[in-house]
Amino acid sequence: QVRLVEPGGGSAQPGESLTLTCQASEYTYCMGWFRQLPGKEREKVAGVDWRLRTDYAPSTRGRFTISKDNAKWTTSLQMDSLQPDDTATYYCAADRRINCRMAGTDFTFWGEGTQVTVSS
């Protein structure tokens, strides 16, 4: 299985920025980020594939930027203009299938999650 390590997370004030990074144990064609808001179901935030094509949820498009380093086996999520409703547990995801869809939700490997809290 693919091991995903996502150190980081933390707290920020509204309007500030925070970057999450996920390190995979091997190369994966697709990587992405999901989040689960308190009392809500897990939702897709962003995805990226080996061709660096990206997909964003409407709630984060324009504020969040996902990147993928194919040589380092990493994905990062830069979060700008953070707001309190961005507070959630963020999960890194990956899929080593060549036919994976970065715009989809059926990633096969998941990180343990990291907490992001945005408050004043």
PDB file of N, CA and C in Angstrom:
ATOM      1  N   GLN A   1       0.820  -1.173   0.000  1.00  0.00           N
ATOM      2  CA  GLN A   1       0.000   0.000   0.000  1.00  0.00           C
ATOM      3  C   GLN A   1       0.875   1.251   0.000  1.00  0.00           C
ATOM      4  N   VAL A   2       0.262   2.353  -0.392  1.00  0.00           N
ATOM      5  CA  VAL A   2       0.949   3.632  -0.404  1.00  0.00           C
ATOM      6  C   VAL A   2       0.767   4.308   0.947  1.00  0.00           C
ATOM      7  N   ARG A   3       1.866   4.720   1.530  1.00  0.00           N
ATOM      8  CA  ARG A   3       1.829   5.422   2.798  1.00  0.00           C
ATOM      9  C   ARG A   3       1.875   6.918   2.548  1.00  0.00           C
ATOM     10  N   LEU A   4       0.970   7.646   3.172  1.00  0.00           N
ATOM     11  CA  LEU A   4       0.875   9.082   3.008  1.00  0.00           C
ATOM     12  C   LEU A   4       1.106   9.765   4.346  1.00  0.00           C
ATOM     13  N   VAL A   5       2.084  10.646   4.381  1.00  0.00           N
ATOM     14  CA  VAL A   5       2.417  11.389   5.580  1.00  0.00           C
ATOM     15  C   VAL A   5       2.136  12.861   5.328  1.00  0.00           C
ATOM     16  N   GLU A   6       1.345  13.459   6.190  1.00  0.00           N
ATOM     17  CA  GLU A   6       0.942  14.842   6.010  1.00  0.00           C
ATOM     18  C   GLU A   6       1.189  15.656   7.274  1.00  0.00           C
ATOM     19  N   PRO A   7       2.446  15.945   7.554  1.00  0.00           N
ATOM     20  CA  PRO A   7       2.738  16.810   8.696  1.00  0.00           C
ATOM     21  C   PRO A   7       2.263  18.228   8.421  1.00  0.00           C
ATOM     22  N   GLY A   8       2.069  18.953   9.467  1.00  0.00           N
ATOM     23  CA  GLY A   8       1.644  20.329   9.301  1.00  0.00           C
ATOM     24  C   GLY A   8       0.300  20.585   9.940  1.00  0.00           C
ATOM     25  N   GLY A   9      -0.554  21.253   9.178  1.00  0.00           N
ATOM     26  CA  GLY A   9      -1.798  21.706   9.755  1.00  0.00           C
ATOM     27  C   GLY A   9      -1.511  22.866  10.686  1.00  0.00           C
ATOM     28  N   GLY A  10      -2.448  23.140  11.550  1.00  0.00           N
ATOM     29  CA  GLY A  10      -2.239  24.196  12.514  1.00  0.00           C
ATOM     30  C   GLY A  10      -3.343  25.222  12.495  1.00  0.00           C
ATOM     31  N   SER A  11      -3.051  26.362  13.076  1.00  0.00           N
ATOM     32  CA  SER A  11      -4.037  27.424  13.226  1.00  0.00           C
ATOM     33  C   SER A  11      -3.646  28.660  12.431  1.00  0.00           C
ATOM     34  N   ALA A  12      -4.659  29.394  12.011  1.00  0.00           N
ATOM     35  CA  ALA A  12      -4.460  30.640  11.287  1.00  0.00           C
ATOM     36  C   ALA A  12      -5.621  31.571  11.567  1.00  0.00           C
ATOM     37  N   GLN A  13      -5.383  32.840  11.388  1.00  0.00           N
ATOM     38  CA  GLN A  13      -6.439  33.831  11.528  1.00  0.00           C
ATOM     39  C   GLN A  13      -7.084  34.095  10.175  1.00  0.00           C
ATOM     40  N   PRO A  14      -8.320  34.565  10.159  1.00  0.00           N
ATOM     41  CA  PRO A  14      -8.975  34.871   8.887  1.00  0.00           C
ATOM     42  C   PRO A  14      -8.127  35.789   8.014  1.00  0.00           C
ATOM     43  N   GLY A  15      -8.025  35.438   6.740  1.00  0.00           N
ATOM     44  CA  GLY A  15      -7.237  36.204   5.798  1.00  0.00           C
ATOM     45  C   GLY A  15      -5.807  35.727   5.639  1.00  0.00           C
ATOM     46  N   GLU A  16      -5.341  34.900   6.554  1.00  0.00           N
ATOM     47  CA  GLU A  16      -3.980  34.398   6.482  1.00  0.00           C
ATOM     48  C   GLU A  16      -3.884  33.186   5.565  1.00  0.00           C
ATOM     49  N   SER A  17      -2.659  32.728   5.366  1.00  0.00           N
ATOM     50  CA  SER A  17      -2.391  31.592   4.492  1.00  0.00           C
ATOM     51  C   SER A  17      -1.772  30.447   5.268  1.00  0.00           C
ATOM     52  N   LEU A  18      -1.957  29.258   4.732  1.00  0.00           N
ATOM     53  CA  LEU A  18      -1.400  28.054   5.315  1.00  0.00           C
ATOM     54  C   LEU A  18      -1.163  27.060   4.189  1.00  0.00           C
ATOM     55  N   THR A  19      -0.076  26.313   4.262  1.00  0.00           N
ATOM     56  CA  THR A  19       0.247  25.329   3.239  1.00  0.00           C
ATOM     57  C   THR A  19       0.387  23.948   3.850  1.00  0.00           C
ATOM     58  N   LEU A  20      -0.296  22.992   3.255  1.00  0.00           N
ATOM     59  CA  LEU A  20      -0.209  21.600   3.665  1.00  0.00           C
ATOM     60  C   LEU A  20       0.619  20.830   2.649  1.00  0.00           C
ATOM     61  N   THR A  21       1.420  19.901   3.121  1.00  0.00           N
ATOM     62  CA  THR A  21       2.241  19.078   2.250  1.00  0.00           C
ATOM     63  C   THR A  21       2.047  17.614   2.602  1.00  0.00           C
ATOM     64  N   CYS A  22       1.990  16.778   1.590  1.00  0.00           N
ATOM     65  CA  CYS A  22       1.802  15.346   1.765  1.00  0.00           C
ATOM     66  C   CYS A  22       2.911  14.599   1.042  1.00  0.00           C
ATOM     67  N   GLN A  23       3.556  13.688   1.748  1.00  0.00           N
ATOM     68  CA  GLN A  23       4.638  12.890   1.188  1.00  0.00           C
ATOM     69  C   GLN A  23       4.183  11.450   1.021  1.00  0.00           C
ATOM     70  N   ALA A  24       4.280  10.934  -0.194  1.00  0.00           N
ATOM     71  CA  ALA A  24       3.912   9.555  -0.475  1.00  0.00           C
ATOM     72  C   ALA A  24       5.138   8.660  -0.441  1.00  0.00           C
ATOM     73  N   SER A  25       4.925   7.384  -0.195  1.00  0.00           N
ATOM     74  CA  SER A  25       6.017   6.422  -0.118  1.00  0.00           C
ATOM     75  C   SER A  25       6.435   5.889  -1.476  1.00  0.00           C
ATOM     76  N   GLU A  26       5.693   6.216  -2.509  1.00  0.00           N
ATOM     77  CA  GLU A  26       6.017   5.820  -3.862  1.00  0.00           C
ATOM     78  C   GLU A  26       5.300   6.737  -4.830  1.00  0.00           C
ATOM     79  N   TYR A  27       5.661   6.642  -6.093  1.00  0.00           N
ATOM     80  CA  TYR A  27       5.021   7.480  -7.094  1.00  0.00           C
ATOM     81  C   TYR A  27       3.567   7.085  -7.280  1.00  0.00           C
ATOM     82  N   THR A  28       2.705   8.099  -7.393  1.00  0.00           N
ATOM     83  CA  THR A  28       1.293   7.878  -7.666  1.00  0.00           C
ATOM     84  C   THR A  28       0.848   8.813  -8.784  1.00  0.00           C
ATOM     85  N   TYR A  29      -0.015   8.307  -9.656  1.00  0.00           N
ATOM     86  CA  TYR A  29      -0.455   9.107 -10.796  1.00  0.00           C
ATOM     87  C   TYR A  29      -1.345  10.269 -10.385  1.00  0.00           C
ATOM     88  N   CYS A  30      -2.195  10.044  -9.394  1.00  0.00           N
ATOM     89  CA  CYS A  30      -3.102  11.080  -8.934  1.00  0.00           C
ATOM     90  C   CYS A  30      -2.918  11.340  -7.451  1.00  0.00           C
ATOM     91  N   MET A  31      -3.076  12.579  -7.059  1.00  0.00           N
ATOM     92  CA  MET A  31      -3.061  12.955  -5.663  1.00  0.00           C
ATOM     93  C   MET A  31      -4.128  14.022  -5.459  1.00  0.00           C
ATOM     94  N   GLY A  32      -4.558  14.168  -4.222  1.00  0.00           N
ATOM     95  CA  GLY A  32      -5.601  15.138  -3.967  1.00  0.00           C
ATOM     96  C   GLY A  32      -5.760  15.443  -2.492  1.00  0.00           C
ATOM     97  N   TRP A  33      -6.662  16.346  -2.239  1.00  0.00           N
ATOM     98  CA  TRP A  33      -6.965  16.753  -0.874  1.00  0.00           C
ATOM     99  C   TRP A  33      -8.473  16.752  -0.650  1.00  0.00           C
ATOM    100  N   PHE A  34      -8.871  16.240   0.492  1.00  0.00           N
ATOM    101  CA  PHE A  34     -10.253  16.244   0.932  1.00  0.00           C
ATOM    102  C   PHE A  34     -10.314  16.907   2.298  1.00  0.00           C
ATOM    103  N   ARG A  35     -11.493  17.291   2.719  1.00  0.00           N
ATOM    104  CA  ARG A  35     -11.651  17.828   4.061  1.00  0.00           C
ATOM    105  C   ARG A  35     -13.007  17.441   4.617  1.00  0.00           C
ATOM    106  N   GLN A  36     -13.077  17.412   5.938  1.00  0.00           N
ATOM    107  CA  GLN A  36     -14.313  17.098   6.621  1.00  0.00           C
ATOM    108  C   GLN A  36     -14.576  18.182   7.655  1.00  0.00           C
ATOM    109  N   LEU A  37     -15.594  18.987   7.390  1.00  0.00           N
ATOM    110  CA  LEU A  37     -15.976  20.034   8.315  1.00  0.00           C
ATOM    111  C   LEU A  37     -16.715  19.418   9.487  1.00  0.00           C
ATOM    112  N   PRO A  38     -16.694  20.072  10.647  1.00  0.00           N
ATOM    113  CA  PRO A  38     -17.394  19.531  11.822  1.00  0.00           C
ATOM    114  C   PRO A  38     -18.858  19.244  11.523  1.00  0.00           C
ATOM    115  N   GLY A  39     -19.267  18.019  11.780  1.00  0.00           N
ATOM    116  CA  GLY A  39     -20.646  17.631  11.573  1.00  0.00           C
ATOM    117  C   GLY A  39     -21.047  17.424  10.129  1.00  0.00           C
ATOM    118  N   LYS A  40     -20.100  17.469   9.203  1.00  0.00           N
ATOM    119  CA  LYS A  40     -20.394  17.321   7.783  1.00  0.00           C
ATOM    120  C   LYS A  40     -19.695  16.100   7.207  1.00  0.00           C
ATOM    121  N   GLU A  41     -20.123  15.707   6.012  1.00  0.00           N
ATOM    122  CA  GLU A  41     -19.486  14.605   5.314  1.00  0.00           C
ATOM    123  C   GLU A  41     -18.195  15.075   4.655  1.00  0.00           C
ATOM    124  N   ARG A  42     -17.295  14.132   4.424  1.00  0.00           N
ATOM    125  CA  ARG A  42     -16.051  14.449   3.753  1.00  0.00           C
ATOM    126  C   ARG A  42     -16.325  14.965   2.345  1.00  0.00           C
ATOM    127  N   GLU A  43     -15.598  16.004   1.946  1.00  0.00           N
ATOM    128  CA  GLU A  43     -15.791  16.602   0.640  1.00  0.00           C
ATOM    129  C   GLU A  43     -14.461  16.792  -0.082  1.00  0.00           C
ATOM    130  N   LYS A  44     -14.538  16.755  -1.382  1.00  0.00           N
ATOM    131  CA  LYS A  44     -13.366  16.943  -2.227  1.00  0.00           C
ATOM    132  C   LYS A  44     -12.951  18.405  -2.240  1.00  0.00           C
ATOM    133  N   VAL A  45     -11.667  18.662  -2.085  1.00  0.00           N
ATOM    134  CA  VAL A  45     -11.128  20.013  -2.131  1.00  0.00           C
ATOM    135  C   VAL A  45     -10.439  20.272  -3.466  1.00  0.00           C
ATOM    136  N   ALA A  46      -9.504  19.419  -3.830  1.00  0.00           N
ATOM    137  CA  ALA A  46      -8.747  19.597  -5.062  1.00  0.00           C
ATOM    138  C   ALA A  46      -8.062  18.299  -5.446  1.00  0.00           C
ATOM    139  N   GLY A  47      -7.761  18.163  -6.720  1.00  0.00           N
ATOM    140  CA  GLY A  47      -7.046  17.002  -7.213  1.00  0.00           C
ATOM    141  C   GLY A  47      -6.055  17.402  -8.294  1.00  0.00           C
ATOM    142  N   VAL A  48      -5.057  16.561  -8.504  1.00  0.00           N
ATOM    143  CA  VAL A  48      -4.037  16.808  -9.516  1.00  0.00           C
ATOM    144  C   VAL A  48      -3.533  15.466 -10.034  1.00  0.00           C
ATOM    145  N   ASP A  49      -3.208  15.386 -11.340  1.00  0.00           N
ATOM    146  CA  ASP A  49      -2.698  14.153 -11.894  1.00  0.00           C
ATOM    147  C   ASP A  49      -1.263  14.322 -12.383  1.00  0.00           C
ATOM    148  N   TRP A  50      -0.716  13.264 -12.987  1.00  0.00           N
ATOM    149  CA  TRP A  50       0.683  13.256 -13.397  1.00  0.00           C
ATOM    150  C   TRP A  50       0.996  14.261 -14.487  1.00  0.00           C
ATOM    151  N   ARG A  51      -0.015  14.692 -15.231  1.00  0.00           N
ATOM    152  CA  ARG A  51       0.154  15.720 -16.256  1.00  0.00           C
ATOM    153  C   ARG A  51      -0.051  17.115 -15.678  1.00  0.00           C
ATOM    154  N   LEU A  52      -0.224  17.184 -14.355  1.00  0.00           N
ATOM    155  CA  LEU A  52      -0.408  18.429 -13.618  1.00  0.00           C
ATOM    156  C   LEU A  52      -1.721  19.128 -13.965  1.00  0.00           C
ATOM    157  N   ARG A  53      -2.676  18.356 -14.453  1.00  0.00           N
ATOM    158  CA  ARG A  53      -4.023  18.878 -14.608  1.00  0.00           C
ATOM    159  C   ARG A  53      -4.661  18.940 -13.231  1.00  0.00           C
ATOM    160  N   THR A  54      -5.463  19.964 -12.994  1.00  0.00           N
ATOM    161  CA  THR A  54      -6.019  20.177 -11.660  1.00  0.00           C
ATOM    162  C   THR A  54      -7.526  20.343 -11.694  1.00  0.00           C
ATOM    163  N   ASP A  55      -8.123  20.122 -10.546  1.00  0.00           N
ATOM    164  CA  ASP A  55      -9.548  20.302 -10.371  1.00  0.00           C
ATOM    165  C   ASP A  55      -9.789  20.840  -8.966  1.00  0.00           C
ATOM    166  N   TYR A  56     -10.709  21.800  -8.845  1.00  0.00           N
ATOM    167  CA  TYR A  56     -10.979  22.424  -7.561  1.00  0.00           C
ATOM    168  C   TYR A  56     -12.463  22.425  -7.256  1.00  0.00           C
ATOM    169  N   ALA A  57     -12.778  22.318  -5.987  1.00  0.00           N
ATOM    170  CA  ALA A  57     -14.152  22.489  -5.560  1.00  0.00           C
ATOM    171  C   ALA A  57     -14.530  23.960  -5.682  1.00  0.00           C
ATOM    172  N   PRO A  58     -15.791  24.237  -6.008  1.00  0.00           N
ATOM    173  CA  PRO A  58     -16.199  25.644  -6.155  1.00  0.00           C
ATOM    174  C   PRO A  58     -15.919  26.492  -4.919  1.00  0.00           C
ATOM    175  N   SER A  59     -15.985  25.900  -3.746  1.00  0.00           N
ATOM    176  CA  SER A  59     -15.791  26.655  -2.515  1.00  0.00           C
ATOM    177  C   SER A  59     -14.351  27.094  -2.297  1.00  0.00           C
ATOM    178  N   THR A  60     -13.408  26.469  -2.980  1.00  0.00           N
ATOM    179  CA  THR A  60     -11.995  26.786  -2.787  1.00  0.00           C
ATOM    180  C   THR A  60     -11.302  27.312  -4.038  1.00  0.00           C
ATOM    181  N   ARG A  61     -11.950  27.200  -5.179  1.00  0.00           N
ATOM    182  CA  ARG A  61     -11.345  27.666  -6.420  1.00  0.00           C
ATOM    183  C   ARG A  61     -11.046  29.161  -6.335  1.00  0.00           C
ATOM    184  N   GLY A  62      -9.811  29.535  -6.680  1.00  0.00           N
ATOM    185  CA  GLY A  62      -9.394  30.921  -6.610  1.00  0.00           C
ATOM    186  C   GLY A  62      -8.680  31.267  -5.328  1.00  0.00           C
ATOM    187  N   ARG A  63      -8.855  30.457  -4.285  1.00  0.00           N
ATOM    188  CA  ARG A  63      -8.183  30.681  -3.009  1.00  0.00           C
ATOM    189  C   ARG A  63      -7.148  29.613  -2.707  1.00  0.00           C
ATOM    190  N   PHE A  64      -7.433  28.376  -3.110  1.00  0.00           N
ATOM    191  CA  PHE A  64      -6.533  27.260  -2.847  1.00  0.00           C
ATOM    192  C   PHE A  64      -5.810  26.869  -4.128  1.00  0.00           C
ATOM    193  N   THR A  65      -4.570  26.429  -3.987  1.00  0.00           N
ATOM    194  CA  THR A  65      -3.774  25.983  -5.120  1.00  0.00           C
ATOM    195  C   THR A  65      -3.130  24.643  -4.795  1.00  0.00           C
ATOM    196  N   ILE A  66      -3.400  23.644  -5.629  1.00  0.00           N
ATOM    197  CA  ILE A  66      -2.795  22.333  -5.441  1.00  0.00           C
ATOM    198  C   ILE A  66      -1.633  22.176  -6.408  1.00  0.00           C
ATOM    199  N   SER A  67      -0.578  21.522  -5.955  1.00  0.00           N
ATOM    200  CA  SER A  67       0.572  21.254  -6.792  1.00  0.00           C
ATOM    201  C   SER A  67       1.034  19.816  -6.576  1.00  0.00           C
ATOM    202  N   LYS A  68       1.790  19.300  -7.537  1.00  0.00           N
ATOM    203  CA  LYS A  68       2.300  17.939  -7.462  1.00  0.00           C
ATOM    204  C   LYS A  68       3.723  17.915  -7.990  1.00  0.00           C
ATOM    205  N   ASP A  69       4.609  17.292  -7.255  1.00  0.00           N
ATOM    206  CA  ASP A  69       5.986  17.117  -7.671  1.00  0.00           C
ATOM    207  C   ASP A  69       6.174  15.640  -7.979  1.00  0.00           C
ATOM    208  N   ASN A  70       6.236  15.300  -9.259  1.00  0.00           N
ATOM    209  CA  ASN A  70       6.330  13.901  -9.655  1.00  0.00           C
ATOM    210  C   ASN A  70       7.652  13.256  -9.253  1.00  0.00           C
ATOM    211  N   ALA A  71       8.697  14.058  -9.109  1.00  0.00           N
ATOM    212  CA  ALA A  71       9.995  13.528  -8.726  1.00  0.00           C
ATOM    213  C   ALA A  71      10.104  13.292  -7.226  1.00  0.00           C
ATOM    214  N   LYS A  72       9.442  14.133  -6.443  1.00  0.00           N
ATOM    215  CA  LYS A  72       9.518  14.028  -4.989  1.00  0.00           C
ATOM    216  C   LYS A  72       8.369  13.247  -4.376  1.00  0.00           C
ATOM    217  N   TRP A  73       7.378  12.875  -5.199  1.00  0.00           N
ATOM    218  CA  TRP A  73       6.211  12.130  -4.741  1.00  0.00           C
ATOM    219  C   TRP A  73       5.412  12.928  -3.703  1.00  0.00           C
ATOM    220  N   THR A  74       5.266  14.192  -3.932  1.00  0.00           N
ATOM    221  CA  THR A  74       4.566  15.043  -2.978  1.00  0.00           C
ATOM    222  C   THR A  74       3.439  15.816  -3.642  1.00  0.00           C
ATOM    223  N   THR A  75       2.504  16.227  -2.829  1.00  0.00           N
ATOM    224  CA  THR A  75       1.485  17.178  -3.230  1.00  0.00           C
ATOM    225  C   THR A  75       1.368  18.219  -2.128  1.00  0.00           C
ATOM    226  N   SER A  76       1.108  19.448  -2.522  1.00  0.00           N
ATOM    227  CA  SER A  76       0.942  20.531  -1.568  1.00  0.00           C
ATOM    228  C   SER A  76      -0.354  21.264  -1.854  1.00  0.00           C
ATOM    229  N   LEU A  77      -0.933  21.787  -0.812  1.00  0.00           N
ATOM    230  CA  LEU A  77      -2.145  22.579  -0.926  1.00  0.00           C
ATOM    231  C   LEU A  77      -1.889  23.921  -0.261  1.00  0.00           C
ATOM    232  N   GLN A  78      -1.778  24.946  -1.078  1.00  0.00           N
ATOM    233  CA  GLN A  78      -1.603  26.300  -0.567  1.00  0.00           C
ATOM    234  C   GLN A  78      -2.972  26.922  -0.371  1.00  0.00           C
ATOM    235  N   MET A  79      -3.254  27.324   0.847  1.00  0.00           N
ATOM    236  CA  MET A  79      -4.556  27.867   1.191  1.00  0.00           C
ATOM    237  C   MET A  79      -4.403  29.343   1.531  1.00  0.00           C
ATOM    238  N   ASP A  80      -4.977  30.188   0.708  1.00  0.00           N
ATOM    239  CA  ASP A  80      -4.940  31.627   0.911  1.00  0.00           C
ATOM    240  C   ASP A  80      -6.313  32.136   1.321  1.00  0.00           C
ATOM    241  N   SER A  81      -6.329  33.329   1.889  1.00  0.00           N
ATOM    242  CA  SER A  81      -7.578  33.975   2.296  1.00  0.00           C
ATOM    243  C   SER A  81      -8.447  33.038   3.128  1.00  0.00           C
ATOM    244  N   LEU A  82      -7.843  32.409   4.093  1.00  0.00           N
ATOM    245  CA  LEU A  82      -8.563  31.447   4.921  1.00  0.00           C
ATOM    246  C   LEU A  82      -9.691  32.109   5.699  1.00  0.00           C
ATOM    247  N   GLN A  83     -10.775  31.377   5.842  1.00  0.00           N
ATOM    248  CA  GLN A  83     -11.943  31.832   6.567  1.00  0.00           C
ATOM    249  C   GLN A  83     -12.331  30.797   7.606  1.00  0.00           C
ATOM    250  N   PRO A  84     -13.096  31.197   8.611  1.00  0.00           N
ATOM    251  CA  PRO A  84     -13.483  30.243   9.658  1.00  0.00           C
ATOM    252  C   PRO A  84     -14.159  28.984   9.120  1.00  0.00           C
ATOM    253  N   ASP A  85     -14.916  29.090   8.029  1.00  0.00           N
ATOM    254  CA  ASP A  85     -15.578  27.905   7.501  1.00  0.00           C
ATOM    255  C   ASP A  85     -14.637  26.977   6.740  1.00  0.00           C
ATOM    256  N   ASP A  86     -13.348  27.310   6.702  1.00  0.00           N
ATOM    257  CA  ASP A  86     -12.342  26.388   6.189  1.00  0.00           C
ATOM    258  C   ASP A  86     -11.831  25.464   7.289  1.00  0.00           C
ATOM    259  N   THR A  87     -12.259  25.700   8.507  1.00  0.00           N
ATOM    260  CA  THR A  87     -11.856  24.857   9.623  1.00  0.00           C
ATOM    261  C   THR A  87     -12.344  23.434   9.401  1.00  0.00           C
ATOM    262  N   ALA A  88     -11.414  22.484   9.392  1.00  0.00           N
ATOM    263  CA  ALA A  88     -11.765  21.100   9.092  1.00  0.00           C
ATOM    264  C   ALA A  88     -10.553  20.209   9.298  1.00  0.00           C
ATOM    265  N   THR A  89     -10.802  18.918   9.229  1.00  0.00           N
ATOM    266  CA  THR A  89      -9.727  17.953   9.149  1.00  0.00           C
ATOM    267  C   THR A  89      -9.432  17.725   7.672  1.00  0.00           C
ATOM    268  N   TYR A  90      -8.198  17.925   7.278  1.00  0.00           N
ATOM    269  CA  TYR A  90      -7.807  17.804   5.883  1.00  0.00           C
ATOM    270  C   TYR A  90      -7.079  16.484   5.659  1.00  0.00           C
ATOM    271  N   TYR A  91      -7.466  15.774   4.602  1.00  0.00           N
ATOM    272  CA  TYR A  91      -6.907  14.471   4.290  1.00  0.00           C
ATOM    273  C   TYR A  91      -6.207  14.490   2.939  1.00  0.00           C
ATOM    274  N   CYS A  92      -5.021  13.955   2.914  1.00  0.00           N
ATOM    275  CA  CYS A  92      -4.311  13.730   1.667  1.00  0.00           C
ATOM    276  C   CYS A  92      -4.773  12.402   1.071  1.00  0.00           C
ATOM    277  N   ALA A  93      -4.871  12.348  -0.249  1.00  0.00           N
ATOM    278  CA  ALA A  93      -5.284  11.133  -0.931  1.00  0.00           C
ATOM    279  C   ALA A  93      -4.402  10.894  -2.152  1.00  0.00           C
ATOM    280  N   ALA A  94      -4.304   9.634  -2.555  1.00  0.00           N
ATOM    281  CA  ALA A  94      -3.485   9.286  -3.713  1.00  0.00           C
ATOM    282  C   ALA A  94      -4.032   8.038  -4.394  1.00  0.00           C
ATOM    283  N   ASP A  95      -3.637   7.859  -5.653  1.00  0.00           N
ATOM    284  CA  ASP A  95      -4.061   6.709  -6.441  1.00  0.00           C
ATOM    285  C   ASP A  95      -2.963   6.394  -7.441  1.00  0.00           C
ATOM    286  N   ARG A  96      -2.469   5.166  -7.427  1.00  0.00           N
ATOM    287  CA  ARG A  96      -1.385   4.783  -8.320  1.00  0.00           C
ATOM    288  C   ARG A  96      -1.873   4.119  -9.601  1.00  0.00           C
ATOM    289  N   ARG A  97      -3.156   4.078  -9.810  1.00  0.00           N
ATOM    290  CA  ARG A  97      -3.703   3.537 -11.049  1.00  0.00           C
ATOM    291  C   ARG A  97      -3.504   4.544 -12.171  1.00  0.00           C
ATOM    292  N   ILE A  98      -3.035   4.073 -13.308  1.00  0.00           N
ATOM    293  CA  ILE A  98      -2.758   4.962 -14.424  1.00  0.00           C
ATOM    294  C   ILE A  98      -4.028   5.609 -14.965  1.00  0.00           C
ATOM    295  N   ASN A  99      -5.166   4.950 -14.758  1.00  0.00           N
ATOM    296  CA  ASN A  99      -6.442   5.493 -15.223  1.00  0.00           C
ATOM    297  C   ASN A  99      -7.196   6.234 -14.131  1.00  0.00           C
ATOM    298  N   CYS A 100      -6.492   6.690 -13.106  1.00  0.00           N
ATOM    299  CA  CYS A 100      -7.142   7.445 -12.045  1.00  0.00           C
ATOM    300  C   CYS A 100      -7.639   8.783 -12.581  1.00  0.00           C
ATOM    301  N   ARG A 101      -8.636   9.326 -11.899  1.00  0.00           N
ATOM    302  CA  ARG A 101      -9.197  10.617 -12.271  1.00  0.00           C
ATOM    303  C   ARG A 101      -8.992  11.605 -11.133  1.00  0.00           C
ATOM    304  N   MET A 102      -8.190  12.619 -11.384  1.00  0.00           N
ATOM    305  CA  MET A 102      -7.918  13.589 -10.330  1.00  0.00           C
ATOM    306  C   MET A 102      -9.157  14.413  -9.990  1.00  0.00           C
ATOM    307  N   ALA A 103     -10.130  14.438 -10.904  1.00  0.00           N
ATOM    308  CA  ALA A 103     -11.362  15.178 -10.647  1.00  0.00           C
ATOM    309  C   ALA A 103     -12.396  14.336  -9.915  1.00  0.00           C
ATOM    310  N   GLY A 104     -12.098  13.061  -9.708  1.00  0.00           N
ATOM    311  CA  GLY A 104     -13.025  12.179  -9.041  1.00  0.00           C
ATOM    312  C   GLY A 104     -12.803  12.121  -7.545  1.00  0.00           C
ATOM    313  N   THR A 105     -13.451  11.151  -6.914  1.00  0.00           N
ATOM    314  CA  THR A 105     -13.378  11.001  -5.465  1.00  0.00           C
ATOM    315  C   THR A 105     -12.912   9.629  -5.016  1.00  0.00           C
ATOM    316  N   ASP A 106     -12.731   8.686  -5.943  1.00  0.00           N
ATOM    317  CA  ASP A 106     -12.410   7.313  -5.580  1.00  0.00           C
ATOM    318  C   ASP A 106     -10.899   7.066  -5.504  1.00  0.00           C
ATOM    319  N   PHE A 107     -10.203   7.884  -4.745  1.00  0.00           N
ATOM    320  CA  PHE A 107      -8.790   7.647  -4.486  1.00  0.00           C
ATOM    321  C   PHE A 107      -8.632   6.410  -3.610  1.00  0.00           C
ATOM    322  N   THR A 108      -7.564   5.683  -3.801  1.00  0.00           N
ATOM    323  CA  THR A 108      -7.412   4.389  -3.144  1.00  0.00           C
ATOM    324  C   THR A 108      -6.573   4.414  -1.886  1.00  0.00           C
ATOM    325  N   PHE A 109      -5.849   5.482  -1.639  1.00  0.00           N
ATOM    326  CA  PHE A 109      -5.019   5.578  -0.448  1.00  0.00           C
ATOM    327  C   PHE A 109      -5.269   6.913   0.233  1.00  0.00           C
ATOM    328  N   TRP A 110      -5.247   6.879   1.565  1.00  0.00           N
ATOM    329  CA  TRP A 110      -5.600   8.047   2.351  1.00  0.00           C
ATOM    330  C   TRP A 110      -4.630   8.276   3.500  1.00  0.00           C
ATOM    331  N   GLY A 111      -4.378   9.547   3.778  1.00  0.00           N
ATOM    332  CA  GLY A 111      -3.609   9.906   4.945  1.00  0.00           C
ATOM    333  C   GLY A 111      -4.487   9.898   6.182  1.00  0.00           C
ATOM    334  N   GLU A 112      -3.881  10.106   7.327  1.00  0.00           N
ATOM    335  CA  GLU A 112      -4.614  10.062   8.587  1.00  0.00           C
ATOM    336  C   GLU A 112      -5.351  11.356   8.896  1.00  0.00           C
ATOM    337  N   GLY A 113      -5.036  12.417   8.188  1.00  0.00           N
ATOM    338  CA  GLY A 113      -5.709  13.682   8.391  1.00  0.00           C
ATOM    339  C   GLY A 113      -4.936  14.617   9.301  1.00  0.00           C
ATOM    340  N   THR A 114      -5.101  15.898   9.065  1.00  0.00           N
ATOM    341  CA  THR A 114      -4.473  16.919   9.885  1.00  0.00           C
ATOM    342  C   THR A 114      -5.467  18.046  10.109  1.00  0.00           C
ATOM    343  N   GLN A 115      -5.458  18.598  11.304  1.00  0.00           N
ATOM    344  CA  GLN A 115      -6.441  19.597  11.681  1.00  0.00           C
ATOM    345  C   GLN A 115      -6.004  20.996  11.272  1.00  0.00           C
ATOM    346  N   VAL A 116      -6.925  21.713  10.658  1.00  0.00           N
ATOM    347  CA  VAL A 116      -6.729  23.117  10.316  1.00  0.00           C
ATOM    348  C   VAL A 116      -7.830  23.920  11.001  1.00  0.00           C
ATOM    349  N   THR A 117      -7.429  24.890  11.784  1.00  0.00           N
ATOM    350  CA  THR A 117      -8.379  25.724  12.509  1.00  0.00           C
ATOM    351  C   THR A 117      -8.162  27.182  12.136  1.00  0.00           C
ATOM    352  N   VAL A 118      -9.226  27.825  11.691  1.00  0.00           N
ATOM    353  CA  VAL A 118      -9.174  29.231  11.315  1.00  0.00           C
ATOM    354  C   VAL A 118     -10.113  29.998  12.233  1.00  0.00           C
ATOM    355  N   SER A 119      -9.556  30.859  13.034  1.00  0.00           N
ATOM    356  CA  SER A 119     -10.353  31.633  13.976  1.00  0.00           C
ATOM    357  C   SER A 119      -9.591  32.874  14.389  1.00  0.00           C
ATOM    358  N   SER A 120     -10.324  33.852  14.858  1.00  0.00           N
ATOM    359  CA  SER A 120      -9.713  35.061  15.374  1.00  0.00           C
ATOM    360  C   SER A 120      -9.591  34.996  16.872  1.00  0.00           C
TER     361      SER A 120
END
